[in-house]
Protein backbone atom coordinates (compact mmCIF):
# COMPACT_ATOMS: atom_id res chain seq x y z
CA MET A 1 114.94 98.26 66.69
CA THR A 2 114.94 95.23 68.97
CA GLU A 3 113.02 94.69 72.19
CA ARG A 4 112.90 97.67 74.53
CA PHE A 5 114.14 95.99 77.68
CA GLY A 6 113.91 99.30 79.49
CA SER A 7 110.11 99.20 79.21
CA TYR A 8 110.10 96.75 82.12
CA GLN A 9 110.14 99.77 84.42
CA ASN A 10 106.83 100.94 82.91
CA GLU A 11 105.36 97.50 83.50
CA ILE A 12 106.40 97.64 87.16
CA TYR A 13 104.94 101.11 87.66
CA LEU A 14 101.63 100.13 86.02
CA GLN A 15 101.35 96.98 88.12
CA GLY A 16 101.93 99.16 91.15
CA LEU A 17 98.70 100.99 90.41
CA GLY A 18 96.94 97.73 91.24
CA GLY A 19 98.94 97.20 94.39
CA GLN A 20 101.35 94.65 92.90
CA LEU A 21 105.02 94.97 93.78
CA PRO A 22 107.99 93.11 92.24
CA PRO A 23 108.78 89.72 93.81
CA CYS A 24 112.08 91.09 95.12
CA SER A 25 114.14 94.26 94.86
CA THR A 26 115.00 95.77 91.50
CA ASP A 27 118.37 96.68 93.03
CA ALA A 28 120.55 93.59 92.69
CA THR A 29 122.96 94.92 95.30
CA LYS A 30 120.22 94.52 97.93
CA LEU A 31 119.21 90.97 97.07
CA GLU A 32 121.83 89.26 99.20
CA ALA A 33 120.54 90.95 102.34
CA SER A 34 116.91 90.08 101.66
CA ALA A 35 117.81 86.51 100.68
CA ARG A 36 119.56 86.05 104.01
CA GLU A 37 116.19 86.65 105.70
CA ILE A 38 114.39 83.88 103.82
CA MET A 39 117.05 81.21 103.16
CA ALA A 40 118.29 78.62 105.62
CA PRO A 41 121.76 79.47 106.96
CA GLY A 42 123.59 76.64 105.19
CA PRO A 43 122.22 77.26 101.69
CA PHE A 44 122.57 81.02 102.05
CA SER A 45 126.19 80.80 103.10
CA TYR A 46 126.90 78.35 100.29
CA VAL A 47 125.60 80.83 97.72
CA ALA A 48 126.91 84.04 99.26
CA GLY A 49 130.18 82.75 100.63
CA ALA A 50 133.65 83.22 99.21
CA ALA A 51 137.13 81.85 99.70
CA GLY A 52 139.07 82.76 102.82
CA SER A 53 138.50 86.29 104.06
CA GLY A 54 136.29 87.19 101.10
CA ALA A 55 138.91 89.60 99.78
CA THR A 56 138.53 88.48 96.17
CA ALA A 57 134.75 88.85 96.19
CA ARG A 58 135.19 92.37 97.55
CA ALA A 59 137.88 93.08 94.95
CA ASN A 60 135.44 92.19 92.18
CA ARG A 61 133.06 94.94 93.22
CA GLU A 62 135.84 97.41 93.96
CA ALA A 63 137.21 96.90 90.46
CA PHE A 64 133.90 98.00 88.97
CA ASP A 65 133.83 101.07 91.19
CA ARG A 66 137.22 102.16 89.86
CA TRP A 67 135.77 102.52 86.35
CA ARG A 68 133.23 105.24 85.58
CA ILE A 69 130.99 105.69 82.56
CA VAL A 70 131.55 108.83 80.50
CA PRO A 71 128.12 109.75 79.01
CA ARG A 72 127.81 111.32 75.58
CA MET A 73 124.93 113.57 74.52
CA LEU A 74 122.83 114.12 71.37
CA THR A 75 123.63 110.73 69.89
CA GLY A 76 120.09 109.78 68.85
CA ALA A 77 120.04 106.86 71.31
CA THR A 78 116.24 106.75 71.56
CA ASP A 79 116.12 103.38 69.85
CA ARG A 80 118.76 100.84 70.77
CA ASP A 81 119.83 97.47 69.42
CA LEU A 82 121.56 95.28 72.01
CA ALA A 83 121.51 92.08 69.96
CA THR A 84 124.68 90.14 69.29
CA THR A 85 126.01 86.68 68.47
CA VAL A 86 128.08 84.85 71.08
CA LEU A 87 129.61 81.41 70.49
CA GLY A 88 127.36 80.98 67.49
CA THR A 89 124.22 81.80 69.46
CA ARG A 90 122.15 84.82 68.43
CA LEU A 91 121.16 86.73 71.58
CA PRO A 92 118.89 89.70 72.29
CA ALA A 93 121.56 91.09 74.64
CA PRO A 94 125.14 90.13 75.58
CA VAL A 95 124.20 88.42 78.84
CA ALA A 96 124.22 84.74 79.81
CA VAL A 97 122.93 82.95 82.90
CA ALA A 98 126.07 81.72 84.65
CA PRO A 99 126.41 78.08 85.69
CA VAL A 100 125.39 77.65 89.32
CA GLY A 101 125.10 74.20 90.83
CA VAL A 102 122.94 72.68 93.54
CA GLN A 103 119.95 74.93 92.91
CA SER A 104 117.70 72.53 94.85
CA ILE A 105 119.09 74.00 98.08
CA VAL A 106 117.66 77.37 96.98
CA HIS A 107 114.24 76.38 95.62
CA PRO A 108 112.50 73.03 95.00
CA ASP A 109 112.02 73.80 91.29
CA ALA A 110 115.81 74.24 91.05
CA GLU A 111 117.44 74.37 87.60
CA SER A 112 114.18 73.76 85.76
CA ALA A 113 112.79 77.06 87.05
CA THR A 114 115.92 78.93 86.05
CA ALA A 115 116.02 77.30 82.62
CA ARG A 116 112.42 78.32 81.96
CA ALA A 117 113.06 81.88 83.10
CA ALA A 118 116.18 82.19 80.95
CA ALA A 119 114.32 80.90 77.90
CA SER A 120 111.49 83.37 78.46
CA VAL A 121 113.90 86.31 78.07
CA GLY A 122 116.04 84.67 75.38
CA LEU A 123 119.28 84.42 77.38
CA PRO A 124 121.53 81.33 77.33
CA PHE A 125 121.13 79.06 80.32
CA ILE A 126 124.44 77.43 81.26
CA LEU A 127 123.85 74.13 83.05
CA SER A 128 126.34 73.21 85.76
CA THR A 129 127.74 69.70 86.04
CA ALA A 130 126.81 70.09 89.72
CA SER A 131 123.14 70.42 88.82
CA SER A 132 120.35 69.10 91.02
CA THR A 133 118.44 68.25 87.84
CA GLY A 134 119.43 65.95 84.98
CA ILE A 135 120.76 67.18 81.66
CA GLU A 136 117.74 66.06 79.70
CA ASP A 137 115.17 67.33 82.20
CA VAL A 138 116.72 70.79 82.17
CA ALA A 139 116.71 70.76 78.37
CA ALA A 140 113.00 69.94 78.42
CA ALA A 141 112.33 72.83 80.79
CA ASN A 142 114.44 75.16 78.64
CA GLY A 143 112.48 74.21 75.51
CA ASP A 144 113.59 76.28 72.53
CA GLY A 145 115.79 78.54 74.65
CA PRO A 146 119.53 78.70 74.03
CA ARG A 147 121.57 76.55 76.39
CA TRP A 148 125.21 75.72 77.00
CA PHE A 149 126.79 73.03 79.18
CA GLN A 150 129.37 73.73 81.88
CA LEU A 151 131.83 70.92 82.54
CA TYR A 152 133.57 70.03 85.75
CA TRP A 153 135.99 67.61 84.16
CA PRO A 154 135.57 64.08 85.64
CA GLY A 155 138.63 61.93 86.15
CA ASP A 156 137.08 59.06 84.20
CA ASN A 157 137.31 59.70 80.45
CA ASP A 158 134.39 57.43 79.62
CA VAL A 159 132.12 59.25 82.04
CA CYS A 160 133.28 62.60 80.69
CA ALA A 161 132.60 61.53 77.11
CA SER A 162 129.16 60.29 78.12
CA LEU A 163 128.25 63.61 79.74
CA LEU A 164 129.34 65.51 76.64
CA THR A 165 127.37 63.21 74.35
CA ARG A 166 124.26 63.60 76.47
CA ALA A 167 124.59 67.38 76.49
CA LYS A 168 125.11 67.55 72.75
CA ASN A 169 122.13 65.27 72.10
CA ALA A 170 119.99 67.42 74.42
CA GLY A 171 120.65 70.59 72.44
CA TYR A 172 123.39 72.28 74.44
CA THR A 173 125.41 74.10 71.80
CA ALA A 174 128.54 75.38 73.59
CA LEU A 175 130.83 73.81 76.17
CA VAL A 176 132.06 75.92 79.09
CA VAL A 177 134.93 74.16 80.87
CA THR A 178 135.57 75.45 84.39
CA LEU A 179 139.27 75.19 85.22
CA ASP A 180 139.55 76.83 88.63
CA THR A 181 137.52 74.44 90.78
CA TRP A 182 139.29 71.09 90.58
CA THR A 183 139.14 71.12 94.36
CA LEU A 184 137.20 73.27 96.80
CA ALA A 185 138.89 76.32 98.26
CA TRP A 186 139.00 77.07 101.98
CA ARG A 187 135.50 78.49 102.46
CA PRO A 188 134.93 79.44 106.10
CA SER A 189 131.24 80.25 105.60
CA ASP A 190 130.63 76.59 104.68
CA LEU A 191 133.23 75.11 107.01
CA ASP A 192 131.88 76.91 110.07
CA GLN A 193 128.56 75.13 109.53
CA ALA A 194 130.13 71.91 108.21
CA TYR A 195 127.80 72.37 105.25
CA LEU A 196 128.53 70.62 101.95
CA PRO A 197 125.32 69.72 100.08
CA PHE A 198 127.00 67.15 97.83
CA LEU A 199 127.52 64.85 100.81
CA LYS A 200 123.74 64.47 100.97
CA GLY A 201 123.41 63.81 97.24
CA GLU A 202 122.37 67.37 96.34
CA GLY A 203 123.84 68.54 93.05
CA CYS A 204 124.60 65.02 91.82
CA ALA A 205 121.78 64.54 89.31
CA VAL A 206 124.06 64.71 86.26
CA PRO A 207 126.22 61.69 87.18
CA PHE A 208 123.43 59.82 88.91
CA THR A 209 121.42 59.84 85.67
CA ASP A 210 124.43 58.91 83.55
CA PRO A 211 124.49 55.30 82.28
CA VAL A 212 128.29 55.09 82.16
CA PHE A 213 128.73 56.39 85.70
CA ARG A 214 125.97 54.11 86.99
CA GLY A 215 127.70 51.19 85.29
CA LEU A 216 130.76 51.74 87.45
CA LEU A 217 128.80 51.28 90.67
CA GLU A 218 128.19 47.99 92.44
CA LYS A 219 124.82 49.35 93.58
CA THR A 220 122.75 52.13 92.06
CA PRO A 221 122.57 55.53 93.78
CA GLU A 222 119.01 54.62 94.78
CA GLU A 223 120.31 51.50 96.55
CA ASP A 224 123.51 52.94 98.07
CA LEU A 225 123.56 56.72 98.00
CA ASN A 226 126.68 57.17 100.10
CA MET A 227 128.94 55.03 97.92
CA ALA A 228 127.66 56.75 94.77
CA ILE A 229 128.39 60.15 96.31
CA LEU A 230 131.90 59.14 97.35
CA ARG A 231 132.63 57.68 93.91
CA TRP A 232 131.51 60.89 92.19
CA ILE A 233 133.32 63.25 94.55
CA GLY A 234 136.50 61.23 94.12
CA MET A 235 136.13 61.38 90.35
CA LEU A 236 135.44 65.12 90.27
CA THR A 237 137.96 66.58 92.72
CA GLY A 238 141.63 66.46 93.53
CA THR A 239 143.21 66.48 90.05
CA ASP A 240 144.41 69.60 88.28
CA ARG A 241 144.34 69.21 84.49
CA THR A 242 147.09 70.25 82.07
CA TRP A 243 147.09 72.02 78.71
CA ASP A 244 148.04 68.86 76.81
CA GLN A 245 144.74 67.25 77.84
CA LEU A 246 142.54 69.74 75.99
CA PRO A 247 142.49 67.73 72.72
CA PHE A 248 140.33 65.15 74.52
CA LEU A 249 137.55 67.70 74.78
CA ARG A 250 137.80 68.60 71.11
CA GLU A 251 137.58 64.92 70.21
CA HIS A 252 134.28 64.63 72.05
CA TRP A 253 132.70 68.03 71.40
CA ASP A 254 132.19 69.48 67.93
CA GLY A 255 130.77 72.84 69.02
CA PRO A 256 132.43 75.91 70.56
CA ILE A 257 134.64 75.27 73.60
CA VAL A 258 135.27 77.99 76.18
CA LEU A 259 137.70 77.87 79.11
CA LYS A 260 136.33 79.52 82.25
CA GLY A 261 138.57 80.86 84.99
CA ILE A 262 141.24 82.64 82.95
CA GLN A 263 142.87 85.59 84.73
CA HIS A 264 146.45 85.66 83.37
CA VAL A 265 147.41 86.95 79.93
CA GLY A 266 149.75 83.99 79.49
CA ASP A 267 146.89 81.54 80.05
CA ALA A 268 144.70 83.46 77.62
CA ARG A 269 147.39 83.16 74.95
CA ARG A 270 147.76 79.43 75.61
CA ALA A 271 144.01 78.97 75.25
CA ALA A 272 144.13 80.73 71.88
CA GLU A 273 147.11 78.64 70.77
CA ALA A 274 145.24 75.49 71.82
CA GLY A 275 142.45 76.38 69.41
CA MET A 276 139.82 77.19 71.99
CA ASP A 277 136.88 79.25 70.75
CA GLY A 278 136.73 81.50 73.77
CA ILE A 279 137.56 82.13 77.39
CA VAL A 280 135.70 83.48 80.39
CA VAL A 281 137.71 85.95 82.42
CA SER A 282 136.58 84.90 85.88
CA ASN A 283 137.70 84.22 89.44
CA HIS A 284 134.59 82.18 90.21
CA GLY A 285 132.97 85.08 91.99
CA GLY A 286 135.75 85.09 94.56
CA ARG A 287 134.96 81.54 95.65
CA GLN A 288 138.31 79.89 94.89
CA VAL A 289 141.44 82.03 95.53
CA ASP A 290 141.43 84.45 98.44
CA GLY A 291 143.43 87.60 97.78
CA ALA A 292 143.22 87.39 93.98
CA LEU A 293 142.74 90.41 91.78
CA GLY A 294 139.28 91.60 90.84
CA ALA A 295 138.29 89.90 87.59
CA LEU A 296 137.62 93.20 85.83
CA GLU A 297 141.25 94.22 86.42
CA ALA A 298 142.39 91.31 84.26
CA LEU A 299 139.97 91.95 81.40
CA PRO A 300 141.62 94.79 79.38
CA GLY A 301 145.03 93.11 79.17
CA ILE A 302 143.53 89.79 78.15
CA VAL A 303 141.36 91.41 75.48
CA ALA A 304 144.41 93.20 74.10
CA ALA A 305 146.31 89.92 73.95
CA VAL A 306 143.74 87.56 72.42
CA GLY A 307 140.57 89.51 71.64
CA ASP A 308 141.26 89.32 67.91
CA ARG A 309 141.65 85.53 68.03
CA MET A 310 138.84 84.31 70.26
CA GLU A 311 135.71 85.42 72.06
CA VAL A 312 136.41 86.88 75.50
CA LEU A 313 133.53 86.64 77.95
CA PHE A 314 133.47 88.05 81.47
CA ASP A 315 132.20 86.76 84.82
CA SER A 316 132.55 87.69 88.50
CA GLY A 317 130.94 90.67 90.17
CA ILE A 318 128.22 91.64 87.66
CA ARG A 319 125.31 93.18 89.54
CA THR A 320 123.96 96.15 87.54
CA GLY A 321 123.39 97.37 84.03
CA ALA A 322 126.30 99.75 84.51
CA ASP A 323 128.51 96.75 85.31
CA VAL A 324 127.52 95.11 82.05
CA LEU A 325 128.29 98.28 80.11
CA LYS A 326 131.71 98.66 81.76
CA ALA A 327 132.73 95.07 81.02
CA LEU A 328 131.65 95.40 77.39
CA ALA A 329 133.43 98.74 77.03
CA LEU A 330 136.62 97.08 78.26
CA GLY A 331 136.33 94.43 75.58
CA ALA A 332 134.14 91.59 76.77
CA ARG A 333 131.91 90.03 74.12
CA ALA A 334 129.29 89.16 76.74
CA VAL A 335 128.94 88.76 80.50
CA LEU A 336 127.76 85.97 82.77
CA VAL A 337 125.63 86.82 85.80
CA GLY A 338 125.24 84.49 88.77
CA ARG A 339 124.36 85.29 92.37
CA PRO A 340 121.66 87.96 91.77
CA TRP A 341 119.30 85.60 89.96
CA VAL A 342 120.03 82.84 92.50
CA TYR A 343 118.65 85.17 95.14
CA GLY A 344 115.70 85.80 92.84
CA LEU A 345 115.16 82.04 92.71
CA ALA A 346 115.12 81.96 96.51
CA HIS A 347 112.53 84.75 96.67
CA ALA A 348 110.05 83.57 94.07
CA GLY A 349 111.25 80.61 92.01
CA GLU A 350 110.95 81.03 88.25
CA ASP A 351 109.21 84.40 88.60
CA GLY A 352 112.03 85.65 90.81
CA VAL A 353 114.72 84.60 88.35
CA ARG A 354 112.82 86.19 85.47
CA HIS A 355 112.37 89.41 87.42
CA VAL A 356 116.08 89.68 88.24
CA LEU A 357 117.10 88.99 84.64
CA ARG A 358 114.58 91.46 83.23
CA SER A 359 115.68 94.06 85.76
CA LEU A 360 119.32 93.66 84.73
CA LEU A 361 118.43 93.91 81.04
CA ALA A 362 116.26 96.96 81.64
CA ASP A 363 118.96 98.64 83.67
CA PHE A 364 121.54 97.89 80.97
CA ASP A 365 119.25 99.09 78.18
CA LEU A 366 118.47 102.37 79.92
CA THR A 367 122.08 102.93 80.92
CA MET A 368 123.15 102.38 77.32
CA GLY A 369 120.68 104.96 76.04
CA LEU A 370 121.25 107.55 78.73
CA SER A 371 125.02 107.35 78.25
CA GLY A 372 124.58 107.91 74.53
CA HIS A 373 125.13 104.42 73.13
CA ARG A 374 122.78 103.00 70.51
CA THR A 375 124.47 99.66 69.76
CA LEU A 376 127.12 97.47 71.30
CA ALA A 377 129.50 98.63 68.58
CA ASP A 378 129.35 102.13 70.10
CA LEU A 379 131.03 100.86 73.26
CA GLY A 380 134.79 101.12 73.61
CA PRO A 381 137.58 102.19 75.95
CA ASP A 382 136.54 105.83 75.61
CA SER A 383 133.10 104.95 77.04
CA VAL A 384 134.66 104.57 80.48
CA GLN A 385 137.35 106.24 82.55
CA ARG A 386 139.43 104.81 85.35
CA THR A 387 139.41 106.84 88.55
C-alpha cells in the first residue's frame, strides 16, 4: 500500500477542532471566484482568461460532464496503490504540475514556491520557458523533487540549445515542447486591459539569465530592459515550426521528449513516427483556439491510434479527482493540472499550492476507492459511460 492521499480530509477535520481552516477552498471549481477577490484585475484575467469568447475553455469542462463514472462494489478497494511511472519518472500518483509562466504576477515567491510544494507531495514540477524565476533557481527550490522542462521553442538555435543544456544540467529529466503557442491568440480579457506582463520583463527570467541570449544583446537586460524584452519576444513568437525540425531537439536532448498541444489523430501519429516519447493531448486550457473541441473529446481516438507506441498524457480542464479518473479511464497515462494550483498560489503561496495539490490527490484517491478501483490498472473504458 502506498500513501493514503485520502487521509488529508482527516487532517483538515482535526485541524478544524483547533479553529484552523484550509488556506482556500477544497473545491477547485470555486477557486477562480475566490481568487478574483484577492488578485489584481490584470493578473487574474491573465490566468483565468481564454481565447475569444471562451468557448473552448467551456468545452473542456462540458466534455468532462458528458462522461460519468460507473462505480463497482465489493472490490476490496480499502487499500489503493496509485503509483506509476511516467516518462521514466516514478510517481506516487499520475498527476503532474502543468507549466504555467509568469508566476510572479500571482505571488512574489513565484515558481520557487510552486516547485517546493510540488516536491513536498512528490509530483513533477514542469517549469515554463516563460518563468519569472531562472532554471537553476527553480531547481534549487525543487531540491530532490522530480522536474521537467517546458520549451517554448526560440527562433535562435544557439539560444535554444543553451536552454536545453541548462535544464539538463539542472536535473530536469523530460522535455515538454509546447506547439500551440507560437503566437498569442486573441484574448479579450487581456486586450481589454492592455495587459501583457512580458512587456514589463515579467516571465523573462529564463532568457535573461542565459549566457548565449545575453551575448546577443548590445546591453544587458539590467542596462536596457526594453531592448532585451523586444529581442526575446521577437525570438519567441511569430514562427510556426514544422515536423522536419524535430530532429534538432533530439540532437540536444537525450531524455524523453513530449509534444504538448496535440488534438488531432493525424498529428498524434506523426509524433509517434517522429520518434517522440509522448504527447500531451491539450488545447492549452482553451487559451489559444476559440471554438475548438474539448480536449477530453480528442483523448480516446488518440489513445486508440498511438497509445501502444508512446505515452499519452492529458491536459486542459482538470479540476477534480473525478476528472483525473475519467481521463485515466479513457487512456491517459497521467494528467497535468494548471489553473487550480495557480489560484492556490494567489491565496497562500507555497502553502496554497500544496493544499490544492493535496486536495486533488485526496479527492482522486477517495474517488478511486469509492468507485471500486484499487490500482490504476483497474481503470478502463468500462469505468466510465458517456451520457
